[in-house]
Full PDB file with SEQRES, HELIX, SHEET, SSBOND, CRYST1, ORIGX, SCALE, CONECT and MASTER records, all heavy atoms in Angstrom:
SEQRES   1 A   41  HIS LEU ASN ARG PHE PHE SER LEU ASN VAL ASP ASP GLU          
SEQRES   2 A   41  ILE GLN VAL TRP ARG LYS PHE PHE GLN HIS GLY SER THR          
SEQRES   3 A   41  LEU THR PRO SER ALA ILE SER VAL GLY VAL SER HIS THR          
SEQRES   4 A   41  PHE GLY                                                      
SHEET    1 AA1 2 PHE A   6  ILE A  14  0                                        
SHEET    2 AA1 2 SER A  30  HIS A  38 -1                                        
CRYST1    1.000    1.000    1.000  90.00  90.00  90.00 P 1           1          
ORIGX1      1.000000  0.000000  0.000000        0.00000                         
ORIGX2      0.000000  1.000000  0.000000        0.00000                         
ORIGX3      0.000000  0.000000  1.000000        0.00000                         
SCALE1      1.000000  0.000000  0.000000        0.00000                         
SCALE2      0.000000  1.000000  0.000000        0.00000                         
SCALE3      0.000000  0.000000  1.000000        0.00000                         
ATOM      1  N   HIS A   1       4.282  40.916 -53.541  1.00  0.00           N  
ATOM      2  CA  HIS A   1       4.261  40.287 -54.862  1.00  0.00           C  
ATOM      3  C   HIS A   1       5.197  41.028 -55.811  1.00  0.00           C  
ATOM      4  O   HIS A   1       4.989  42.205 -56.115  1.00  0.00           O  
ATOM      5  CB  HIS A   1       2.840  40.290 -55.423  1.00  0.00           C  
ATOM      6  CG  HIS A   1       1.837  39.636 -54.520  1.00  0.00           C  
ATOM      7  ND1 HIS A   1       2.086  38.440 -53.878  1.00  0.00           N  
ATOM      8  CD2 HIS A   1       0.592  40.013 -54.142  1.00  0.00           C  
ATOM      9  CE1 HIS A   1       1.034  38.103 -53.153  1.00  0.00           C  
ATOM     10  NE2 HIS A   1       0.118  39.043 -53.287  1.00  0.00           N  
ATOM     11  N   LEU A   2       6.229  40.346 -56.266  1.00  0.00           N  
ATOM     12  CA  LEU A   2       7.179  40.927 -57.206  1.00  0.00           C  
ATOM     13  C   LEU A   2       6.648  40.853 -58.631  1.00  0.00           C  
ATOM     14  O   LEU A   2       6.920  41.721 -59.450  1.00  0.00           O  
ATOM     15  CB  LEU A   2       8.524  40.207 -57.107  1.00  0.00           C  
ATOM     16  CG  LEU A   2       9.163  40.215 -55.711  1.00  0.00           C  
ATOM     17  CD1 LEU A   2      10.426  39.371 -55.711  1.00  0.00           C  
ATOM     18  CD2 LEU A   2       9.462  41.638 -55.263  1.00  0.00           C  
ATOM     19  N   ASN A   3       5.934  39.787 -58.946  1.00  0.00           N  
ATOM     20  CA  ASN A   3       5.194  39.675 -60.196  1.00  0.00           C  
ATOM     21  C   ASN A   3       4.054  38.700 -59.965  1.00  0.00           C  
ATOM     22  O   ASN A   3       3.663  38.462 -58.816  1.00  0.00           O  
ATOM     23  CB  ASN A   3       6.097  39.282 -61.371  1.00  0.00           C  
ATOM     24  CG  ASN A   3       6.656  37.870 -61.245  1.00  0.00           C  
ATOM     25  OD1 ASN A   3       6.316  37.107 -60.337  1.00  0.00           O  
ATOM     26  ND2 ASN A   3       7.525  37.521 -62.170  1.00  0.00           N  
ATOM     27  N   ARG A   4       3.503  38.097 -60.998  1.00  0.00           N  
ATOM     28  CA  ARG A   4       2.354  37.224 -60.818  1.00  0.00           C  
ATOM     29  C   ARG A   4       2.648  36.013 -59.951  1.00  0.00           C  
ATOM     30  O   ARG A   4       1.756  35.483 -59.289  1.00  0.00           O  
ATOM     31  CB  ARG A   4       1.827  36.747 -62.179  1.00  0.00           C  
ATOM     32  CG  ARG A   4       1.113  37.801 -62.994  1.00  0.00           C  
ATOM     33  CD  ARG A   4       0.573  37.181 -64.272  1.00  0.00           C  
ATOM     34  NE  ARG A   4       1.656  36.616 -65.078  1.00  0.00           N  
ATOM     35  CZ  ARG A   4       1.482  35.693 -66.014  1.00  0.00           C  
ATOM     36  NH1 ARG A   4       0.284  35.200 -66.236  1.00  0.00           N  
ATOM     37  NH2 ARG A   4       2.507  35.265 -66.726  1.00  0.00           N  
ATOM     38  N   PHE A   5       3.890  35.536 -59.947  1.00  0.00           N  
ATOM     39  CA  PHE A   5       4.181  34.273 -59.306  1.00  0.00           C  
ATOM     40  C   PHE A   5       5.237  34.345 -58.203  1.00  0.00           C  
ATOM     41  O   PHE A   5       5.245  33.503 -57.318  1.00  0.00           O  
ATOM     42  CB  PHE A   5       4.620  33.236 -60.355  1.00  0.00           C  
ATOM     43  CG  PHE A   5       3.603  33.040 -61.452  1.00  0.00           C  
ATOM     44  CD1 PHE A   5       3.887  33.417 -62.750  1.00  0.00           C  
ATOM     45  CD2 PHE A   5       2.364  32.520 -61.165  1.00  0.00           C  
ATOM     46  CE1 PHE A   5       2.943  33.248 -63.758  1.00  0.00           C  
ATOM     47  CE2 PHE A   5       1.414  32.350 -62.153  1.00  0.00           C  
ATOM     48  CZ  PHE A   5       1.700  32.708 -63.464  1.00  0.00           C  
ATOM     49  N   PHE A   6       6.136  35.327 -58.237  1.00  0.00           N  
ATOM     50  CA  PHE A   6       7.192  35.426 -57.239  1.00  0.00           C  
ATOM     51  C   PHE A   6       6.864  36.503 -56.202  1.00  0.00           C  
ATOM     52  O   PHE A   6       6.362  37.574 -56.541  1.00  0.00           O  
ATOM     53  CB  PHE A   6       8.535  35.739 -57.895  1.00  0.00           C  
ATOM     54  CG  PHE A   6       9.133  34.581 -58.641  1.00  0.00           C  
ATOM     55  CD1 PHE A   6       8.937  34.437 -60.008  1.00  0.00           C  
ATOM     56  CD2 PHE A   6       9.884  33.622 -57.971  1.00  0.00           C  
ATOM     57  CE1 PHE A   6       9.476  33.366 -60.704  1.00  0.00           C  
ATOM     58  CE2 PHE A   6      10.432  32.550 -58.653  1.00  0.00           C  
ATOM     59  CZ  PHE A   6      10.226  32.415 -60.026  1.00  0.00           C  
ATOM     60  N   SER A   7       7.189  36.206 -54.929  1.00  0.00           N  
ATOM     61  CA  SER A   7       6.940  37.143 -53.843  1.00  0.00           C  
ATOM     62  C   SER A   7       8.128  37.181 -52.895  1.00  0.00           C  
ATOM     63  O   SER A   7       8.856  36.190 -52.736  1.00  0.00           O  
ATOM     64  CB  SER A   7       5.684  36.744 -53.049  1.00  0.00           C  
ATOM     65  OG  SER A   7       4.531  36.781 -53.860  1.00  0.00           O  
ATOM     66  N   LEU A   8       8.307  38.333 -52.262  1.00  0.00           N  
ATOM     67  CA  LEU A   8       9.268  38.493 -51.169  1.00  0.00           C  
ATOM     68  C   LEU A   8       8.521  38.252 -49.867  1.00  0.00           C  
ATOM     69  O   LEU A   8       7.457  38.827 -49.643  1.00  0.00           O  
ATOM     70  CB  LEU A   8       9.864  39.898 -51.188  1.00  0.00           C  
ATOM     71  CG  LEU A   8      10.759  40.274 -50.007  1.00  0.00           C  
ATOM     72  CD1 LEU A   8      12.080  39.519 -50.084  1.00  0.00           C  
ATOM     73  CD2 LEU A   8      11.006  41.784 -49.978  1.00  0.00           C  
ATOM     74  N   ASN A   9       9.068  37.405 -49.009  1.00  0.00           N  
ATOM     75  CA  ASN A   9       8.430  37.074 -47.739  1.00  0.00           C  
ATOM     76  C   ASN A   9       9.271  37.584 -46.571  1.00  0.00           C  
ATOM     77  O   ASN A   9      10.464  37.308 -46.494  1.00  0.00           O  
ATOM     78  CB  ASN A   9       8.243  35.552 -47.618  1.00  0.00           C  
ATOM     79  CG  ASN A   9       7.740  35.130 -46.249  1.00  0.00           C  
ATOM     80  OD1 ASN A   9       8.476  34.556 -45.457  1.00  0.00           O  
ATOM     81  ND2 ASN A   9       6.490  35.428 -45.966  1.00  0.00           N  
ATOM     82  N   VAL A  10       8.649  38.359 -45.678  1.00  0.00           N  
ATOM     83  CA  VAL A  10       9.281  38.788 -44.428  1.00  0.00           C  
ATOM     84  C   VAL A  10       8.418  38.256 -43.290  1.00  0.00           C  
ATOM     85  O   VAL A  10       7.229  38.548 -43.222  1.00  0.00           O  
ATOM     86  CB  VAL A  10       9.405  40.317 -44.336  1.00  0.00           C  
ATOM     87  CG1 VAL A  10      10.032  40.719 -43.011  1.00  0.00           C  
ATOM     88  CG2 VAL A  10      10.229  40.860 -45.504  1.00  0.00           C  
ATOM     89  N   ASP A  11       9.013  37.456 -42.397  1.00  0.00           N  
ATOM     90  CA  ASP A  11       8.253  36.703 -41.405  1.00  0.00           C  
ATOM     91  C   ASP A  11       8.862  36.873 -40.014  1.00  0.00           C  
ATOM     92  O   ASP A  11      10.086  36.873 -39.862  1.00  0.00           O  
ATOM     93  CB  ASP A  11       8.253  35.220 -41.807  1.00  0.00           C  
ATOM     94  CG  ASP A  11       7.370  34.369 -40.912  1.00  0.00           C  
ATOM     95  OD1 ASP A  11       7.876  33.889 -39.870  1.00  0.00           O  
ATOM     96  OD2 ASP A  11       6.201  34.172 -41.253  1.00  0.00           O  
ATOM     97  N   ASP A  12       7.999  37.022 -39.012  1.00  0.00           N  
ATOM     98  CA  ASP A  12       8.422  37.148 -37.615  1.00  0.00           C  
ATOM     99  C   ASP A  12       7.701  36.069 -36.817  1.00  0.00           C  
ATOM    100  O   ASP A  12       6.471  36.003 -36.838  1.00  0.00           O  
ATOM    101  CB  ASP A  12       8.083  38.542 -37.091  1.00  0.00           C  
ATOM    102  CG  ASP A  12       8.547  38.748 -35.656  1.00  0.00           C  
ATOM    103  OD1 ASP A  12       9.506  38.082 -35.246  1.00  0.00           O  
ATOM    104  OD2 ASP A  12       7.935  39.579 -34.953  1.00  0.00           O  
ATOM    105  N   GLU A  13       8.444  35.206 -36.129  1.00  0.00           N  
ATOM    106  CA  GLU A  13       7.848  34.051 -35.455  1.00  0.00           C  
ATOM    107  C   GLU A  13       8.401  33.882 -34.050  1.00  0.00           C  
ATOM    108  O   GLU A  13       9.587  34.058 -33.813  1.00  0.00           O  
ATOM    109  CB  GLU A  13       8.118  32.782 -36.275  1.00  0.00           C  
ATOM    110  CG  GLU A  13       7.650  31.493 -35.647  1.00  0.00           C  
ATOM    111  CD  GLU A  13       7.943  30.289 -36.511  1.00  0.00           C  
ATOM    112  OE1 GLU A  13       7.491  30.273 -37.684  1.00  0.00           O  
ATOM    113  OE2 GLU A  13       8.637  29.365 -36.030  1.00  0.00           O  
ATOM    114  N   ILE A  14       7.529  33.519 -33.112  1.00  0.00           N  
ATOM    115  CA  ILE A  14       7.926  33.171 -31.746  1.00  0.00           C  
ATOM    116  C   ILE A  14       7.495  31.729 -31.487  1.00  0.00           C  
ATOM    117  O   ILE A  14       6.320  31.386 -31.666  1.00  0.00           O  
ATOM    118  CB  ILE A  14       7.299  34.112 -30.709  1.00  0.00           C  
ATOM    119  CG1 ILE A  14       7.790  35.541 -30.913  1.00  0.00           C  
ATOM    120  CG2 ILE A  14       7.638  33.636 -29.290  1.00  0.00           C  
ATOM    121  CD1 ILE A  14       7.164  36.538 -29.959  1.00  0.00           C  
ATOM    122  N   GLN A  15       8.434  30.890 -31.070  1.00  0.00           N  
ATOM    123  CA  GLN A  15       8.141  29.498 -30.747  1.00  0.00           C  
ATOM    124  C   GLN A  15       8.009  29.318 -29.241  1.00  0.00           C  
ATOM    125  O   GLN A  15       8.602  30.063 -28.463  1.00  0.00           O  
ATOM    126  CB  GLN A  15       9.251  28.581 -31.273  1.00  0.00           C  
ATOM    127  CG  GLN A  15       9.409  28.601 -32.777  1.00  0.00           C  
ATOM    128  CD  GLN A  15      10.600  27.788 -33.236  1.00  0.00           C  
ATOM    129  OE1 GLN A  15      11.393  27.291 -32.429  1.00  0.00           O  
ATOM    130  NE2 GLN A  15      10.752  27.656 -34.546  1.00  0.00           N  
ATOM    131  N   VAL A  16       7.259  28.308 -28.848  1.00  0.00           N  
ATOM    132  CA  VAL A  16       7.065  27.991 -27.429  1.00  0.00           C  
ATOM    133  C   VAL A  16       7.421  26.520 -27.202  1.00  0.00           C  
ATOM    134  O   VAL A  16       6.784  25.627 -27.763  1.00  0.00           O  
ATOM    135  CB  VAL A  16       5.611  28.262 -26.984  1.00  0.00           C  
ATOM    136  CG1 VAL A  16       5.434  27.877 -25.516  1.00  0.00           C  
ATOM    137  CG2 VAL A  16       5.241  29.728 -27.201  1.00  0.00           C  
ATOM    138  N   TRP A  17       8.461  26.298 -26.402  1.00  0.00           N  
ATOM    139  CA  TRP A  17       8.878  24.954 -25.986  1.00  0.00           C  
ATOM    140  C   TRP A  17       8.521  24.830 -24.504  1.00  0.00           C  
ATOM    141  O   TRP A  17       9.284  25.253 -23.636  1.00  0.00           O  
ATOM    142  CB  TRP A  17      10.380  24.763 -26.180  1.00  0.00           C  
ATOM    143  CG  TRP A  17      10.888  24.963 -27.580  1.00  0.00           C  
ATOM    144  CD1 TRP A  17      10.756  26.081 -28.365  1.00  0.00           C  
ATOM    145  CD2 TRP A  17      11.655  24.036 -28.355  1.00  0.00           C  
ATOM    146  NE1 TRP A  17      11.375  25.898 -29.568  1.00  0.00           N  
ATOM    147  CE2 TRP A  17      11.934  24.658 -29.601  1.00  0.00           C  
ATOM    148  CE3 TRP A  17      12.138  22.745 -28.123  1.00  0.00           C  
ATOM    149  CZ2 TRP A  17      12.676  24.031 -30.598  1.00  0.00           C  
ATOM    150  CZ3 TRP A  17      12.874  22.117 -29.116  1.00  0.00           C  
ATOM    151  CH2 TRP A  17      13.135  22.757 -30.337  1.00  0.00           C  
ATOM    152  N   ARG A  18       7.383  24.258 -24.182  1.00  0.00           N  
ATOM    153  CA  ARG A  18       6.895  24.223 -22.809  1.00  0.00           C  
ATOM    154  C   ARG A  18       7.717  23.276 -21.937  1.00  0.00           C  
ATOM    155  O   ARG A  18       8.083  22.188 -22.346  1.00  0.00           O  
ATOM    156  CB  ARG A  18       5.425  23.807 -22.772  1.00  0.00           C  
ATOM    157  CG  ARG A  18       4.472  24.789 -23.464  1.00  0.00           C  
ATOM    158  CD  ARG A  18       3.020  24.425 -23.239  1.00  0.00           C  
ATOM    159  NE  ARG A  18       2.639  24.583 -21.858  1.00  0.00           N  
ATOM    160  CZ  ARG A  18       2.366  23.588 -21.024  1.00  0.00           C  
ATOM    161  NH1 ARG A  18       2.454  22.329 -21.437  1.00  0.00           N  
ATOM    162  NH2 ARG A  18       2.009  23.814 -19.781  1.00  0.00           N  
ATOM    163  N   LYS A  19       8.008  23.762 -20.708  1.00  0.00           N  
ATOM    164  CA  LYS A  19       8.714  22.970 -19.692  1.00  0.00           C  
ATOM    165  C   LYS A  19       9.983  22.342 -20.251  1.00  0.00           C  
ATOM    166  O   LYS A  19      10.264  21.157 -20.048  1.00  0.00           O  
ATOM    167  CB  LYS A  19       7.783  21.896 -19.127  1.00  0.00           C  
ATOM    168  CG  LYS A  19       6.561  22.463 -18.430  1.00  0.00           C  
ATOM    169  CD  LYS A  19       5.675  21.373 -17.857  1.00  0.00           C  
ATOM    170  CE  LYS A  19       4.472  21.960 -17.155  1.00  0.00           C  
ATOM    171  NZ  LYS A  19       3.589  20.901 -16.590  1.00  0.00           N  
ATOM    172  N   PHE A  20      10.760  23.166 -20.942  1.00  0.00           N  
ATOM    173  CA  PHE A  20      11.977  22.643 -21.577  1.00  0.00           C  
ATOM    174  C   PHE A  20      13.042  22.289 -20.547  1.00  0.00           C  
ATOM    175  O   PHE A  20      13.707  21.263 -20.651  1.00  0.00           O  
ATOM    176  CB  PHE A  20      12.518  23.681 -22.563  1.00  0.00           C  
ATOM    177  CG  PHE A  20      13.727  23.223 -23.324  1.00  0.00           C  
ATOM    178  CD1 PHE A  20      13.587  22.441 -24.462  1.00  0.00           C  
ATOM    179  CD2 PHE A  20      15.011  23.565 -22.915  1.00  0.00           C  
ATOM    180  CE1 PHE A  20      14.702  22.004 -25.173  1.00  0.00           C  
ATOM    181  CE2 PHE A  20      16.127  23.141 -23.622  1.00  0.00           C  
ATOM    182  CZ  PHE A  20      15.969  22.362 -24.750  1.00  0.00           C  
ATOM    183  N   PHE A  21      13.221  23.143 -19.549  1.00  0.00           N  
ATOM    184  CA  PHE A  21      14.249  22.923 -18.545  1.00  0.00           C  
ATOM    185  C   PHE A  21      13.722  22.079 -17.389  1.00  0.00           C  
ATOM    186  O   PHE A  21      12.518  21.940 -17.189  1.00  0.00           O  
ATOM    187  CB  PHE A  21      14.776  24.264 -18.027  1.00  0.00           C  
ATOM    188  CG  PHE A  21      15.435  25.102 -19.087  1.00  0.00           C  
ATOM    189  CD1 PHE A  21      14.752  26.153 -19.680  1.00  0.00           C  
ATOM    190  CD2 PHE A  21      16.731  24.835 -19.492  1.00  0.00           C  
ATOM    191  CE1 PHE A  21      15.359  26.926 -20.656  1.00  0.00           C  
ATOM    192  CE2 PHE A  21      17.345  25.611 -20.469  1.00  0.00           C  
ATOM    193  CZ  PHE A  21      16.649  26.654 -21.051  1.00  0.00           C  
ATOM    194  N   GLN A  22      14.635  21.514 -16.616  1.00  0.00           N  
ATOM    195  CA  GLN A  22      14.277  20.626 -15.516  1.00  0.00           C  
ATOM    196  C   GLN A  22      13.359  21.312 -14.507  1.00  0.00           C  
ATOM    197  O   GLN A  22      12.442  20.690 -13.965  1.00  0.00           O  
ATOM    198  CB  GLN A  22      15.543  20.120 -14.809  1.00  0.00           C  
ATOM    199  CG  GLN A  22      15.275  19.136 -13.684  1.00  0.00           C  
ATOM    200  CD  GLN A  22      16.558  18.698 -13.008  1.00  0.00           C  
ATOM    201  OE1 GLN A  22      17.588  19.340 -13.143  1.00  0.00           O  
ATOM    202  NE2 GLN A  22      16.504  17.597 -12.272  1.00  0.00           N  
ATOM    203  N   HIS A  23      13.581  22.607 -14.269  1.00  0.00           N  
ATOM    204  CA  HIS A  23      12.754  23.325 -13.288  1.00  0.00           C  
ATOM    205  C   HIS A  23      11.427  23.794 -13.881  1.00  0.00           C  
ATOM    206  O   HIS A  23      10.679  24.499 -13.221  1.00  0.00           O  
ATOM    207  CB  HIS A  23      13.520  24.522 -12.719  1.00  0.00           C  
ATOM    208  CG  HIS A  23      14.162  25.385 -13.757  1.00  0.00           C  
ATOM    209  ND1 HIS A  23      13.452  26.222 -14.584  1.00  0.00           N  
ATOM    210  CD2 HIS A  23      15.470  25.524 -14.105  1.00  0.00           C  
ATOM    211  CE1 HIS A  23      14.287  26.852 -15.388  1.00  0.00           C  
ATOM    212  NE2 HIS A  23      15.524  26.452 -15.124  1.00  0.00           N  
ATOM    213  N   GLY A  24      11.143  23.399 -15.122  1.00  0.00           N  
ATOM    214  CA  GLY A  24       9.828  23.675 -15.700  1.00  0.00           C  
ATOM    215  C   GLY A  24       9.725  24.949 -16.510  1.00  0.00           C  
ATOM    216  O   GLY A  24       8.646  25.265 -17.020  1.00  0.00           O  
ATOM    217  N   SER A  25      10.809  25.695 -16.665  1.00  0.00           N  
ATOM    218  CA  SER A  25      10.758  26.941 -17.435  1.00  0.00           C  
ATOM    219  C   SER A  25      10.535  26.656 -18.919  1.00  0.00           C  
ATOM    220  O   SER A  25      10.971  25.640 -19.448  1.00  0.00           O  
ATOM    221  CB  SER A  25      12.056  27.735 -17.257  1.00  0.00           C  
ATOM    222  OG  SER A  25      12.197  28.158 -15.919  1.00  0.00           O  
ATOM    223  N   THR A  26       9.855  27.589 -19.572  1.00  0.00           N  
ATOM    224  CA  THR A  26       9.535  27.459 -20.998  1.00  0.00           C  
ATOM    225  C   THR A  26      10.569  28.187 -21.844  1.00  0.00           C  
ATOM    226  O   THR A  26      10.998  29.287 -21.505  1.00  0.00           O  
ATOM    227  CB  THR A  26       8.139  28.031 -21.277  1.00  0.00           C  
ATOM    228  OG1 THR A  26       7.169  27.230 -20.594  1.00  0.00           O  
ATOM    229  CG2 THR A  26       7.819  28.023 -22.766  1.00  0.00           C  
ATOM    230  N   LEU A  27      10.958  27.574 -22.940  1.00  0.00           N  
ATOM    231  CA  LEU A  27      11.896  28.183 -23.891  1.00  0.00           C  
ATOM    232  C   LEU A  27      11.081  28.888 -24.973  1.00  0.00           C  
ATOM    233  O   LEU A  27      10.148  28.308 -25.537  1.00  0.00           O  
ATOM    234  CB  LEU A  27      12.776  27.096 -24.503  1.00  0.00           C  
ATOM    235  CG  LEU A  27      14.053  27.524 -25.247  1.00  0.00           C  
ATOM    236  CD1 LEU A  27      15.038  28.148 -24.263  1.00  0.00           C  
ATOM    237  CD2 LEU A  27      14.683  26.317 -25.937  1.00  0.00           C  
ATOM    238  N   THR A  28      11.406  30.147 -25.267  1.00  0.00           N  
ATOM    239  CA  THR A  28      10.644  30.913 -26.261  1.00  0.00           C  
ATOM    240  C   THR A  28      11.579  31.564 -27.289  1.00  0.00           C  
ATOM    241  O   THR A  28      11.736  32.791 -27.317  1.00  0.00           O  
ATOM    242  CB  THR A  28       9.787  31.995 -25.588  1.00  0.00           C  
ATOM    243  OG1 THR A  28      10.636  32.845 -24.789  1.00  0.00           O  
ATOM    244  CG2 THR A  28       8.710  31.386 -24.716  1.00  0.00           C  
ATOM    245  N   PRO A  29      12.206  30.782 -28.147  1.00  0.00           N  
ATOM    246  CA  PRO A  29      13.046  31.358 -29.207  1.00  0.00           C  
ATOM    247  C   PRO A  29      12.194  32.074 -30.250  1.00  0.00           C  
ATOM    248  O   PRO A  29      11.000  31.793 -30.408  1.00  0.00           O  
ATOM    249  CB  PRO A  29      13.735  30.133 -29.810  1.00  0.00           C  
ATOM    250  CG  PRO A  29      12.782  29.011 -29.555  1.00  0.00           C  
ATOM    251  CD  PRO A  29      12.146  29.309 -28.230  1.00  0.00           C  
ATOM    252  N   SER A  30      12.807  32.990 -30.973  1.00  0.00           N  
ATOM    253  CA  SER A  30      12.099  33.730 -32.012  1.00  0.00           C  
ATOM    254  C   SER A  30      12.994  33.869 -33.232  1.00  0.00           C  
ATOM    255  O   SER A  30      14.208  33.649 -33.168  1.00  0.00           O  
ATOM    256  CB  SER A  30      11.671  35.110 -31.516  1.00  0.00           C  
ATOM    257  OG  SER A  30      12.799  35.875 -31.119  1.00  0.00           O  
ATOM    258  N   ALA A  31      12.389  34.226 -34.354  1.00  0.00           N  
ATOM    259  CA  ALA A  31      13.154  34.341 -35.601  1.00  0.00           C  
ATOM    260  C   ALA A  31      12.563  35.429 -36.480  1.00  0.00           C  
ATOM    261  O   ALA A  31      11.339  35.583 -36.561  1.00  0.00           O  
ATOM    262  CB  ALA A  31      13.161  33.015 -36.348  1.00  0.00           C  
ATOM    263  N   ILE A  32      13.420  36.172 -37.144  1.00  0.00           N  
ATOM    264  CA  ILE A  32      13.042  37.131 -38.177  1.00  0.00           C  
ATOM    265  C   ILE A  32      13.626  36.617 -39.485  1.00  0.00           C  
ATOM    266  O   ILE A  32      14.842  36.423 -39.591  1.00  0.00           O  
ATOM    267  CB  ILE A  32      13.564  38.539 -37.868  1.00  0.00           C  
ATOM    268  CG1 ILE A  32      12.941  39.058 -36.572  1.00  0.00           C  
ATOM    269  CG2 ILE A  32      13.256  39.490 -39.020  1.00  0.00           C  
ATOM    270  CD1 ILE A  32      13.548  40.359 -36.088  1.00  0.00           C  
ATOM    271  N   SER A  33      12.771  36.345 -40.466  1.00  0.00           N  
ATOM    272  CA  SER A  33      13.190  35.659 -41.678  1.00  0.00           C  
ATOM    273  C   SER A  33      12.845  36.449 -42.924  1.00  0.00           C  
ATOM    274  O   SER A  33      11.835  37.164 -42.959  1.00  0.00           O  
ATOM    275  CB  SER A  33      12.518  34.283 -41.758  1.00  0.00           C  
ATOM    276  OG  SER A  33      12.695  33.559 -40.555  1.00  0.00           O  
ATOM    277  N   VAL A  34      13.680  36.299 -43.956  1.00  0.00           N  
ATOM    278  CA  VAL A  34      13.446  36.920 -45.255  1.00  0.00           C  
ATOM    279  C   VAL A  34      13.686  35.868 -46.330  1.00  0.00           C  
ATOM    280  O   VAL A  34      14.742  35.218 -46.342  1.00  0.00           O  
ATOM    281  CB  VAL A  34      14.366  38.135 -45.490  1.00  0.00           C  
ATOM    282  CG1 VAL A  34      14.104  38.731 -46.869  1.00  0.00           C  
ATOM    283  CG2 VAL A  34      14.156  39.186 -44.412  1.00  0.00           C  
ATOM    284  N   GLY A  35      12.716  35.680 -47.217  1.00  0.00           N  
ATOM    285  CA  GLY A  35      12.855  34.676 -48.256  1.00  0.00           C  
ATOM    286  C   GLY A  35      12.094  35.050 -49.515  1.00  0.00           C  
ATOM    287  O   GLY A  35      11.482  36.123 -49.604  1.00  0.00           O  
ATOM    288  N   VAL A  36      12.135  34.161 -50.483  1.00  0.00           N  
ATOM    289  CA  VAL A  36      11.440  34.343 -51.756  1.00  0.00           C  
ATOM    290  C   VAL A  36      10.569  33.117 -51.995  1.00  0.00           C  
ATOM    291  O   VAL A  36      10.980  31.990 -51.716  1.00  0.00           O  
ATOM    292  CB  VAL A  36      12.429  34.531 -52.925  1.00  0.00           C  
ATOM    293  CG1 VAL A  36      11.690  34.611 -54.255  1.00  0.00           C  
ATOM    294  CG2 VAL A  36      13.273  35.783 -52.712  1.00  0.00           C  
ATOM    295  N   SER A  37       9.367  33.338 -52.511  1.00  0.00           N  
ATOM    296  CA  SER A  37       8.455  32.233 -52.765  1.00  0.00           C  
ATOM    297  C   SER A  37       7.922  32.280 -54.195  1.00  0.00           C  
ATOM    298  O   SER A  37       7.946  33.325 -54.856  1.00  0.00           O  
ATOM    299  CB  SER A  37       7.278  32.266 -51.779  1.00  0.00           C  
ATOM    300  OG  SER A  37       6.500  33.438 -51.967  1.00  0.00           O  
ATOM    301  N   HIS A  38       7.448  31.141 -54.652  1.00  0.00           N  
ATOM    302  CA  HIS A  38       6.833  31.018 -55.977  1.00  0.00           C  
ATOM    303  C   HIS A  38       5.449  30.413 -55.802  1.00  0.00           C  
ATOM    304  O   HIS A  38       5.285  29.409 -55.104  1.00  0.00           O  
ATOM    305  CB  HIS A  38       7.678  30.132 -56.883  1.00  0.00           C  
ATOM    306  CG  HIS A  38       7.150  30.023 -58.289  1.00  0.00           C  
ATOM    307  ND1 HIS A  38       6.134  29.151 -58.632  1.00  0.00           N  
ATOM    308  CD2 HIS A  38       7.485  30.678 -59.431  1.00  0.00           C  
ATOM    309  CE1 HIS A  38       5.876  29.263 -59.930  1.00  0.00           C  
ATOM    310  NE2 HIS A  38       6.677  30.188 -60.435  1.00  0.00           N  
ATOM    311  N   THR A  39       4.456  31.028 -56.424  1.00  0.00           N  
ATOM    312  CA  THR A  39       3.083  30.547 -56.323  1.00  0.00           C  
ATOM    313  C   THR A  39       2.659  29.910 -57.632  1.00  0.00           C  
ATOM    314  O   THR A  39       2.758  30.516 -58.696  1.00  0.00           O  
ATOM    315  CB  THR A  39       2.114  31.684 -55.965  1.00  0.00           C  
ATOM    316  OG1 THR A  39       2.459  32.197 -54.678  1.00  0.00           O  
ATOM    317  CG2 THR A  39       0.673  31.182 -55.917  1.00  0.00           C  
ATOM    318  N   PHE A  40       2.181  28.682 -57.540  1.00  0.00           N  
ATOM    319  CA  PHE A  40       1.636  27.956 -58.678  1.00  0.00           C  
ATOM    320  C   PHE A  40       0.118  28.105 -58.673  1.00  0.00           C  
ATOM    321  O   PHE A  40      -0.525  27.807 -57.670  1.00  0.00           O  
ATOM    322  CB  PHE A  40       1.988  26.466 -58.593  1.00  0.00           C  
ATOM    323  CG  PHE A  40       3.465  26.187 -58.545  1.00  0.00           C  
ATOM    324  CD1 PHE A  40       4.123  26.071 -57.333  1.00  0.00           C  
ATOM    325  CD2 PHE A  40       4.187  26.045 -59.715  1.00  0.00           C  
ATOM    326  CE1 PHE A  40       5.473  25.805 -57.283  1.00  0.00           C  
ATOM    327  CE2 PHE A  40       5.551  25.778 -59.681  1.00  0.00           C  
ATOM    328  CZ  PHE A  40       6.189  25.658 -58.461  1.00  0.00           C  
ATOM    329  N   GLY A  41      -0.438  28.579 -59.798  1.00  0.00           N  
ATOM    330  CA  GLY A  41      -1.891  28.664 -59.902  1.00  0.00           C  
ATOM    331  C   GLY A  41      -2.491  29.862 -59.198  1.00  0.00           C  
ATOM    332  O   GLY A  41      -3.249  29.719 -58.244  1.00  0.00           O  
TER     333      GLY A  41                                                      
MASTER        0    0    0    0    2    0    0    6  332    1    0    4          
END                                                                             
């Protein structure tokens, strides 16, 4: 929380795409993200 309403967001996510390839292998991309958010109320 930077102040009452604005925040810095750091997020780590792993996605799962089941049986993406023809031979049935699963795709598991991931992401590290940084953003800013505003909270109302």
